[in-house]
PDB file of N, CA and C in Angstrom:
ATOM      1  N   MET A   1     103.359  75.497  79.406  1.00  0.00           N
ATOM      2  CA  MET A   1     104.474  76.312  79.880  1.00  0.00           C
ATOM      3  C   MET A   1     105.708  75.423  80.029  1.00  0.00           C
ATOM      4  N   THR A   2     106.826  76.024  79.812  1.00  0.00           N
ATOM      5  CA  THR A   2     108.070  75.279  79.957  1.00  0.00           C
ATOM      6  C   THR A   2     108.518  75.265  81.410  1.00  0.00           C
ATOM      7  N   ALA A   3     109.489  74.437  81.690  1.00  0.00           N
ATOM      8  CA  ALA A   3     110.015  74.336  83.058  1.00  0.00           C
ATOM      9  C   ALA A   3     110.673  75.646  83.474  1.00  0.00           C
ATOM     10  N   ALA A   4     111.316  76.322  82.538  1.00  0.00           N
ATOM     11  CA  ALA A   4     111.949  77.605  82.868  1.00  0.00           C
ATOM     12  C   ALA A   4     110.905  78.660  83.226  1.00  0.00           C
ATOM     13  N   ALA A   5     109.783  78.648  82.533  1.00  0.00           N
ATOM     14  CA  ALA A   5     108.714  79.611  82.828  1.00  0.00           C
ATOM     15  C   ALA A   5     108.113  79.346  84.205  1.00  0.00           C
ATOM     16  N   TRP A   6     107.879  78.074  84.519  1.00  0.00           N
ATOM     17  CA  TRP A   6     107.359  77.729  85.848  1.00  0.00           C
ATOM     18  C   TRP A   6     108.333  78.156  86.947  1.00  0.00           C
ATOM     19  N   THR A   7     109.613  77.906  86.728  1.00  0.00           N
ATOM     20  CA  THR A   7     110.625  78.266  87.717  1.00  0.00           C
ATOM     21  C   THR A   7     110.665  79.769  87.930  1.00  0.00           C
ATOM     22  N   MET A   8     110.658  80.526  86.853  1.00  0.00           N
ATOM     23  CA  MET A   8     110.706  81.981  86.971  1.00  0.00           C
ATOM     24  C   MET A   8     109.449  82.517  87.655  1.00  0.00           C
ATOM     25  N   MET A   9     108.288  81.956  87.329  1.00  0.00           N
ATOM     26  CA  MET A   9     107.038  82.393  87.946  1.00  0.00           C
ATOM     27  C   MET A   9     107.055  82.107  89.446  1.00  0.00           C
ATOM     28  N   LEU A  10     107.472  80.923  89.840  1.00  0.00           N
ATOM     29  CA  LEU A  10     107.489  80.574  91.263  1.00  0.00           C
ATOM     30  C   LEU A  10     108.494  81.416  92.039  1.00  0.00           C
ATOM     31  N   VAL A  11     109.675  81.613  91.475  1.00  0.00           N
ATOM     32  CA  VAL A  11     110.681  82.430  92.152  1.00  0.00           C
ATOM     33  C   VAL A  11     110.176  83.857  92.337  1.00  0.00           C
ATOM     34  N   THR A  12     109.544  84.407  91.310  1.00  0.00           N
ATOM     35  CA  THR A  12     109.021  85.775  91.398  1.00  0.00           C
ATOM     36  C   THR A  12     107.918  85.870  92.447  1.00  0.00           C
ATOM     37  N   GLU A  13     106.991  84.935  92.443  1.00  0.00           N
ATOM     38  CA  GLU A  13     105.897  84.968  93.418  1.00  0.00           C
ATOM     39  C   GLU A  13     106.408  84.807  94.848  1.00  0.00           C
ATOM     40  N   ILE A  14     107.361  83.923  95.041  1.00  0.00           N
ATOM     41  CA  ILE A  14     107.926  83.717  96.381  1.00  0.00           C
ATOM     42  C   ILE A  14     108.676  84.960  96.841  1.00  0.00           C
ATOM     43  N   LEU A  15     109.426  85.577  95.946  1.00  0.00           N
ATOM     44  CA  LEU A  15     110.173  86.785  96.296  1.00  0.00           C
ATOM     45  C   LEU A  15     109.239  87.935  96.657  1.00  0.00           C
ATOM     46  N   VAL A  16     108.214  88.153  95.865  1.00  0.00           N
ATOM     47  CA  VAL A  16     107.259  89.236  96.148  1.00  0.00           C
ATOM     48  C   VAL A  16     106.535  88.980  97.466  1.00  0.00           C
ATOM     49  N   THR A  17     106.143  87.741  97.714  1.00  0.00           N
ATOM     50  CA  THR A  17     105.468  87.401  98.967  1.00  0.00           C
ATOM     51  C   THR A  17     106.393  87.609 100.162  1.00  0.00           C
ATOM     52  N   ALA A  18     107.649  87.216 100.042  1.00  0.00           N
ATOM     53  CA  ALA A  18     108.603  87.370 101.146  1.00  0.00           C
ATOM     54  C   ALA A  18     108.846  88.845 101.458  1.00  0.00           C
ATOM     55  N   VAL A  19     109.003  89.668 100.442  1.00  0.00           N
ATOM     56  CA  VAL A  19     109.228  91.102 100.668  1.00  0.00           C
ATOM     57  C   VAL A  19     108.000  91.741 101.295  1.00  0.00           C
ATOM     58  N   THR A  20     106.818  91.362 100.842  1.00  0.00           N
ATOM     59  CA  THR A  20     105.577  91.894 101.412  1.00  0.00           C
ATOM     60  C   THR A  20     105.445  91.523 102.882  1.00  0.00           C
ATOM     61  N   ILE A  21     105.714  90.271 103.219  1.00  0.00           N
ATOM     62  CA  ILE A  21     105.632  89.826 104.615  1.00  0.00           C
ATOM     63  C   ILE A  21     106.678  90.544 105.468  1.00  0.00           C
ATOM     64  N   TYR A  22     107.886  90.724 104.920  1.00  0.00           N
ATOM     65  CA  TYR A  22     108.947  91.419 105.666  1.00  0.00           C
ATOM     66  C   TYR A  22     108.508  92.824 106.052  1.00  0.00           C
ATOM     67  N   PHE A  23     107.982  93.597 105.099  1.00  0.00           N
ATOM     68  CA  PHE A  23     107.576  94.962 105.408  1.00  0.00           C
ATOM     69  C   PHE A  23     106.342  95.000 106.297  1.00  0.00           C
ATOM     70  N   PHE A  24     105.431  94.045 106.153  1.00  0.00           N
ATOM     71  CA  PHE A  24     104.247  93.992 107.003  1.00  0.00           C
ATOM     72  C   PHE A  24     104.647  93.756 108.453  1.00  0.00           C
ATOM     73  N   VAL A  25     105.567  92.821 108.678  1.00  0.00           N
ATOM     74  CA  VAL A  25     106.043  92.542 110.034  1.00  0.00           C
ATOM     75  C   VAL A  25     106.823  93.742 110.573  1.00  0.00           C
ATOM     76  N   LYS A  26     107.593  94.388 109.725  1.00  0.00           N
ATOM     77  CA  LYS A  26     108.358  95.562 110.146  1.00  0.00           C
ATOM     78  C   LYS A  26     107.429  96.683 110.620  1.00  0.00           C
ATOM     79  N   VAL A  27     106.335  96.884 109.913  1.00  0.00           N
ATOM     80  CA  VAL A  27     105.354  97.906 110.319  1.00  0.00           C
ATOM     81  C   VAL A  27     104.691  97.519 111.632  1.00  0.00           C
ATOM     82  N   LEU A  28     104.360  96.254 111.794  1.00  0.00           N
ATOM     83  CA  LEU A  28     103.692  95.825 113.029  1.00  0.00           C
ATOM     84  C   LEU A  28     104.602  95.928 114.246  1.00  0.00           C
ATOM     85  N   ARG A  29     105.904  95.744 114.058  1.00  0.00           N
ATOM     86  CA  ARG A  29     106.837  95.784 115.189  1.00  0.00           C
ATOM     87  C   ARG A  29     107.330  97.183 115.513  1.00  0.00           C
ATOM     88  N   THR A  30     107.032  98.164 114.685  1.00  0.00           N
ATOM     89  CA  THR A  30     107.474  99.533 114.941  1.00  0.00           C
ATOM     90  C   THR A  30     106.673 100.095 116.110  1.00  0.00           C
ATOM     91  N   PRO A  31     107.349 100.588 117.165  1.00  0.00           N
ATOM     92  CA  PRO A  31     106.594 101.136 118.294  1.00  0.00           C
ATOM     93  C   PRO A  31     105.924 102.448 117.901  1.00  0.00           C
ATOM     94  N   PRO A  32     104.762 102.713 118.453  1.00  0.00           N
ATOM     95  CA  PRO A  32     104.068 103.963 118.113  1.00  0.00           C
ATOM     96  C   PRO A  32     104.822 105.170 118.669  1.00  0.00           C
ATOM     97  N   LYS A  33     104.718 106.270 117.960  1.00  0.00           N
ATOM     98  CA  LYS A  33     105.369 107.495 118.421  1.00  0.00           C
ATOM     99  C   LYS A  33     104.548 108.108 119.549  1.00  0.00           C
ATOM    100  N   ASP A  34     105.237 108.764 120.496  1.00  0.00           N
ATOM    101  CA  ASP A  34     104.532 109.433 121.577  1.00  0.00           C
ATOM    102  C   ASP A  34     103.810 110.651 121.036  1.00  0.00           C
ATOM    103  N   GLU A  35     102.576 110.805 121.468  1.00  0.00           N
ATOM    104  CA  GLU A  35     101.812 111.968 121.043  1.00  0.00           C
ATOM    105  C   GLU A  35     102.088 113.107 122.022  1.00  0.00           C
ATOM    106  N   PRO A  36     102.237 114.317 121.520  1.00  0.00           N
ATOM    107  CA  PRO A  36     102.482 115.438 122.429  1.00  0.00           C
ATOM    108  C   PRO A  36     101.240 115.725 123.277  1.00  0.00           C
ATOM    109  N   ASP A  37     101.484 116.171 124.477  1.00  0.00           N
ATOM    110  CA  ASP A  37     100.390 116.489 125.380  1.00  0.00           C
ATOM    111  C   ASP A  37      99.790 117.827 124.972  1.00  0.00           C
ATOM    112  N   SER A  38      98.529 117.819 124.604  1.00  0.00           N
ATOM    113  CA  SER A  38      97.914 119.053 124.102  1.00  0.00           C
ATOM    114  C   SER A  38      97.680 120.061 125.217  1.00  0.00           C
ATOM    115  N   TYR A  39      97.657 119.614 126.473  1.00  0.00           N
ATOM    116  CA  TYR A  39      97.372 120.540 127.568  1.00  0.00           C
ATOM    117  C   TYR A  39      98.601 121.367 127.965  1.00  0.00           C
ATOM    118  N   THR A  40      99.791 120.898 127.680  1.00  0.00           N
ATOM    119  CA  THR A  40     100.980 121.691 128.038  1.00  0.00           C
ATOM    120  C   THR A  40     101.062 122.960 127.210  1.00  0.00           C
ATOM    121  N   GLN A  41     100.461 122.992 126.053  1.00  0.00           N
ATOM    122  CA  GLN A  41     100.468 124.209 125.243  1.00  0.00           C
ATOM    123  C   GLN A  41      99.518 125.255 125.803  1.00  0.00           C
ATOM    124  N   ASN A  42      98.567 124.842 126.610  1.00  0.00           N
ATOM    125  CA  ASN A  42      97.576 125.764 127.157  1.00  0.00           C
ATOM    126  C   ASN A  42      97.994 126.302 128.530  1.00  0.00           C
ATOM    127  N   ASP A  43      99.110 125.849 129.101  1.00  0.00           N
ATOM    128  CA  ASP A  43      99.515 126.253 130.445  1.00  0.00           C
ATOM    129  C   ASP A  43      99.967 127.704 130.503  1.00  0.00           C
ATOM    130  N   ALA A  44     100.478 128.261 129.414  1.00  0.00           N
ATOM    131  CA  ALA A  44     101.009 129.623 129.433  1.00  0.00           C
ATOM    132  C   ALA A  44      99.911 130.675 129.486  1.00  0.00           C
ATOM    133  N   GLU A  45      98.696 130.302 129.292  1.00  0.00           N
ATOM    134  CA  GLU A  45      97.606 131.280 129.272  1.00  0.00           C
ATOM    135  C   GLU A  45      97.290 131.825 130.630  1.00  0.00           C
TER     136      GLU A  45
END
């Protein structure tokens, strides 16, 4: 492989890894949504 091919391969792999880690961390830091209380719907009965 030529030096240009190695450079392009490494840049691509690093970029894909960085984007994957960014979204993985973003998902982990997202707070969970509040679940609605199922019993409040039964109070009107």
